[in-house]
Protein backbone atom coordinates (compact mmCIF):
# COMPACT_ATOMS: atom_id res chain seq x y z
CA UNK A 1 92.68 165.86 59.58
CA UNK A 2 89.46 164.71 61.23
CA UNK A 3 89.13 161.26 62.82
CA UNK A 4 86.12 158.97 63.04
CA UNK A 5 84.63 158.79 66.54
CA UNK A 6 85.08 155.23 67.80
CA UNK A 7 84.21 153.29 70.94
CA UNK A 8 87.48 154.30 72.63
CA UNK A 9 87.43 157.96 71.58
CA UNK A 10 88.08 160.36 74.48
CA UNK A 11 87.53 164.04 73.71
CA UNK A 12 88.64 167.06 75.77
CA UNK A 13 86.78 167.98 78.96
CA UNK A 14 87.47 169.18 82.49
CA UNK A 15 87.31 166.07 84.66
CA UNK A 16 87.02 166.26 88.43
CA UNK A 17 86.67 163.39 90.87
CA UNK A 18 84.35 164.01 93.81
CA UNK A 19 82.96 162.47 96.97
CA UNK A 20 79.45 163.20 98.22
CA UNK A 21 78.01 162.26 101.62
CA UNK A 22 74.46 160.94 101.84
CA UNK A 23 71.95 161.84 104.53
CA UNK A 24 72.71 158.54 106.27
CA UNK A 25 76.46 159.21 106.28
CA UNK A 26 77.87 157.22 103.35
CA UNK A 27 80.52 158.68 101.04
CA UNK A 28 79.80 158.11 97.37
CA UNK A 29 82.52 158.38 94.71
CA UNK A 30 82.01 159.96 91.32
CA UNK A 31 83.33 162.17 88.54
CA UNK A 32 82.04 165.17 86.65
CA UNK A 33 83.18 165.88 83.09
CA UNK A 34 82.56 169.54 82.26
CA UNK A 35 82.79 171.22 78.85
CA UNK A 36 85.87 173.36 78.35
CA UNK A 37 83.65 175.91 76.63
CA UNK A 38 80.06 176.93 77.31
CA UNK A 39 77.89 174.47 79.22
CA UNK A 40 74.34 174.32 77.83
CA UNK A 41 73.01 171.42 79.90
CA UNK A 42 73.91 168.50 82.11
CA UNK A 43 73.03 164.88 82.80
CA UNK A 44 73.12 162.92 86.05
CA UNK A 45 73.71 159.23 85.25
CA UNK A 46 72.08 156.48 87.33
CA UNK A 47 73.87 153.25 86.42
CA UNK A 48 72.65 149.67 85.84
CA UNK A 49 72.33 146.97 88.50
CA UNK A 50 75.56 146.75 90.53
CA UNK A 51 75.02 143.08 91.38
CA UNK A 52 75.16 142.39 87.63
CA UNK A 53 78.25 144.56 87.03
CA UNK A 54 76.59 147.96 86.65
CA UNK A 55 78.61 150.99 87.79
CA UNK A 56 79.46 154.57 86.82
CA UNK A 57 81.75 153.25 84.05
CA UNK A 58 79.02 151.20 82.36
CA UNK A 59 79.81 151.82 78.73
CA UNK A 60 76.99 154.17 77.63
CA UNK A 61 77.70 156.51 80.53
CA UNK A 62 81.48 156.36 80.13
CA UNK A 63 81.14 157.17 76.42
CA UNK A 64 78.77 160.01 77.27
CA UNK A 65 81.43 161.47 79.57
CA UNK A 66 84.09 160.97 76.88
CA UNK A 67 82.11 162.73 74.13
CA UNK A 68 79.23 164.95 75.21
CA UNK A 69 81.13 167.74 77.00
CA UNK A 70 83.08 168.52 73.83
CA UNK A 71 80.54 167.63 71.15
CA UNK A 72 77.38 168.99 72.78
CA UNK A 73 78.40 171.29 75.64
CA UNK A 74 76.82 168.89 78.13
CA UNK A 75 78.27 168.24 81.59
CA UNK A 76 78.18 164.55 82.56
CA UNK A 77 77.94 163.57 86.23
CA UNK A 78 78.55 159.90 87.03
CA UNK A 79 78.77 158.17 90.40
CA UNK A 80 78.66 154.78 92.08
CA UNK A 81 75.61 154.05 94.19
CA UNK A 82 76.23 152.63 97.67
CA UNK A 83 78.35 149.48 97.71
CA UNK A 84 79.33 149.83 94.04
CA UNK A 85 82.93 149.73 92.75
CA UNK A 86 84.63 151.13 89.64
CA UNK A 87 88.08 152.46 88.78
CA UNK A 88 87.14 155.63 90.68
CA UNK A 89 86.76 153.62 93.88
CA UNK A 90 84.03 152.08 95.99
CA UNK A 91 81.08 153.98 97.42
CA UNK A 92 80.41 153.27 101.06
CA UNK A 93 77.35 151.34 102.23
CA UNK A 94 75.65 148.23 100.94
CA UNK A 95 73.39 147.52 97.99
CA UNK A 96 69.75 147.89 99.12
CA UNK A 97 67.74 146.83 96.06
CA UNK A 98 66.94 150.46 95.20
CA UNK A 99 65.52 151.51 98.58
CA UNK A 100 68.33 153.32 100.44
CA UNK A 101 69.75 154.26 97.04
CA UNK A 102 67.07 156.95 97.08
CA UNK A 103 69.34 158.80 99.50
CA UNK A 104 72.15 158.49 96.95
CA UNK A 105 70.00 160.08 94.26
CA UNK A 106 68.98 162.85 96.65
CA UNK A 107 72.61 163.55 97.61
CA UNK A 108 73.75 163.73 93.99
CA UNK A 109 70.93 166.01 92.92
CA UNK A 110 71.82 168.36 95.78
CA UNK A 111 75.47 168.21 94.73
CA UNK A 112 74.63 169.01 91.11
CA UNK A 113 72.59 172.06 92.02
CA UNK A 114 74.21 173.34 95.21
CA UNK A 115 77.90 172.60 94.56
CA UNK A 116 78.21 172.45 90.78
CA UNK A 117 75.47 175.03 90.09
CA UNK A 118 74.34 173.09 87.02
CA UNK A 119 71.35 174.22 85.00
CA UNK A 120 69.15 172.33 82.54
CA UNK A 121 70.00 169.08 84.34
CA UNK A 122 68.35 165.87 83.14
CA UNK A 123 68.35 162.57 85.03
CA UNK A 124 69.37 159.60 82.88
CA UNK A 125 68.65 156.15 84.26
CA UNK A 126 69.78 152.89 82.68
CA UNK A 127 68.16 149.57 83.66
CA UNK A 128 68.32 149.51 87.51
CA UNK A 129 68.91 153.25 87.28
CA UNK A 130 65.51 153.73 85.62
CA UNK A 131 63.76 152.39 88.71
CA UNK A 132 65.86 154.77 90.83
CA UNK A 133 64.86 157.66 88.58
CA UNK A 134 61.15 156.86 88.56
CA UNK A 135 60.98 156.33 92.31
CA UNK A 136 63.46 158.86 93.66
CA UNK A 137 64.27 161.61 91.12
CA UNK A 138 61.35 163.89 91.98
CA UNK A 139 63.44 166.95 92.86
CA UNK A 140 61.67 169.93 91.31
CA UNK A 141 64.93 171.46 90.08
CA UNK A 142 65.79 168.99 87.31
CA UNK A 143 64.44 169.36 83.76
CA UNK A 144 63.27 165.83 82.97
CA UNK A 145 64.03 162.12 82.92
CA UNK A 146 65.33 159.82 80.20
CA UNK A 147 65.05 156.06 80.76
CA UNK A 148 67.35 153.62 78.96
CA UNK A 149 66.16 149.98 78.84
CA UNK A 150 63.63 150.28 81.69
CA UNK A 151 62.90 146.81 83.17
CA UNK A 152 60.33 148.05 85.70
CA UNK A 153 61.69 145.55 88.21
CA UNK A 154 60.59 147.37 91.35
CA UNK A 155 58.56 150.40 90.23
CA UNK A 156 54.86 149.88 90.96
CA UNK A 157 51.88 151.16 88.94
CA UNK A 158 51.13 153.50 91.83
CA UNK A 159 54.64 154.96 91.61
CA UNK A 160 54.23 155.43 87.88
CA UNK A 161 51.05 157.46 88.34
CA UNK A 162 53.01 160.09 90.28
CA UNK A 163 54.44 161.31 86.98
CA UNK A 164 50.98 162.08 85.60
CA UNK A 165 50.91 165.07 87.93
CA UNK A 166 54.46 166.17 87.05
CA UNK A 167 54.70 168.37 83.94
CA UNK A 168 58.30 167.48 83.12
CA UNK A 169 59.07 165.15 80.21
CA UNK A 170 59.83 161.48 80.81
CA UNK A 171 61.21 159.62 77.79
CA UNK A 172 61.85 155.86 77.61
CA UNK A 173 64.21 154.38 75.01
CA UNK A 174 63.12 150.73 74.76
CA UNK A 175 65.25 148.30 72.73
CA UNK A 176 63.41 146.13 70.24
CA UNK A 177 65.15 142.99 71.53
CA UNK A 178 65.29 143.82 75.24
CA UNK A 179 64.96 140.56 77.14
CA UNK A 180 63.47 142.31 80.17
CA UNK A 181 60.93 144.68 78.60
CA UNK A 182 60.46 145.08 74.85
CA UNK A 183 58.40 147.88 73.25
CA UNK A 184 54.99 146.10 73.22
CA UNK A 185 55.47 145.06 76.84
CA UNK A 186 56.56 148.59 77.74
CA UNK A 187 53.37 150.04 76.24
CA UNK A 188 51.37 147.75 78.50
CA UNK A 189 53.43 148.12 81.68
CA UNK A 190 53.69 151.92 81.41
CA UNK A 191 49.94 152.29 80.77
CA UNK A 192 49.31 153.92 84.20
CA UNK A 193 51.77 156.68 83.23
CA UNK A 194 49.93 158.68 80.59
CA UNK A 195 52.63 161.30 80.17
CA UNK A 196 55.55 159.07 79.16
CA UNK A 197 57.01 159.10 75.64
CA UNK A 198 58.08 155.57 74.65
CA UNK A 199 60.54 155.33 71.76
CA UNK A 200 61.10 151.83 70.33
CA UNK A 201 64.75 151.42 69.35
CA UNK A 202 64.94 149.02 66.41
CA UNK A 203 67.63 146.31 66.38
CA UNK A 204 68.88 147.32 69.85
CA UNK A 205 69.32 145.15 72.95
CA UNK A 206 69.22 145.86 76.68
CA UNK A 207 72.96 146.59 76.95
CA UNK A 208 73.16 148.78 73.80
CA UNK A 209 76.19 146.87 72.52
CA UNK A 210 77.86 148.29 69.42
CA UNK A 211 78.65 151.78 68.20
CA UNK A 212 75.40 152.20 66.22
CA UNK A 213 73.35 151.66 69.39
CA UNK A 214 75.61 153.96 71.44
CA UNK A 215 75.35 156.70 68.82
CA UNK A 216 71.56 156.46 68.74
CA UNK A 217 71.26 156.68 72.53
CA UNK A 218 73.61 159.65 72.79
CA UNK A 219 71.80 161.43 69.97
CA UNK A 220 68.43 160.92 71.68
CA UNK A 221 69.87 162.38 74.88
CA UNK A 222 71.35 165.39 73.09
CA UNK A 223 68.09 165.97 71.21
CA UNK A 224 66.40 166.60 74.57
CA UNK A 225 69.14 168.25 76.60
CA UNK A 226 70.82 170.37 73.90
CA UNK A 227 68.70 170.16 70.73
CA UNK A 228 70.71 172.80 68.91
CA UNK A 229 73.74 170.49 69.13
CA UNK A 230 71.97 167.50 67.56
CA UNK A 231 72.72 165.38 65.67
CA UNK A 232 76.20 164.63 66.97
CA UNK A 233 79.04 164.57 64.45
CA UNK A 234 80.57 161.20 63.58
CA UNK A 235 84.04 162.68 63.14
CA UNK A 236 86.14 165.03 65.23
């Protein structure tokens, strides 16, 4: 008998904890959840602001790891940026407001390609992680970027214009009731970046609380990374 997929649903995958060293010598902790069957794509998750509680287990990313390997054949790579703690442990180093975290992003992209040999890898940033993605995820090997609740705290207009010369897709999911950057504000702030696709997410908030919001985010991710596996089933 099938069961409804709920907030606490954990589906089968091959889970492996890892540690990755950055170019400046810090060990970062993380976990990869791989499909048991064929892997058709992958996501590297850049979590929300650690000084506000963001970490690799922030709920959208944890639910992605619990569901997407089995439901969509997508590998999910999560990690703690420097100085960030979760159940998996604490990454070495100190929070640097998104500057030195660029070395964390670089180290994880290298790990995804050189150690895990992932293909069709997309970078998924959430809140603080969107600034990391826009500023530091320029590695030519990944397939594109998806931004969840981008606040544009530290990304400058000049940094946005870089993406006009990059052919890869950049998609922003902007909650209707985001207190940091709502859809009309996003249209204005992202104006220097002609190539971005901004998707207003009705009735949603910055933290994507509630199963309807989670389901919509995960379906938007799957629609880009593994379109043949979309939409996701609601029962398993």
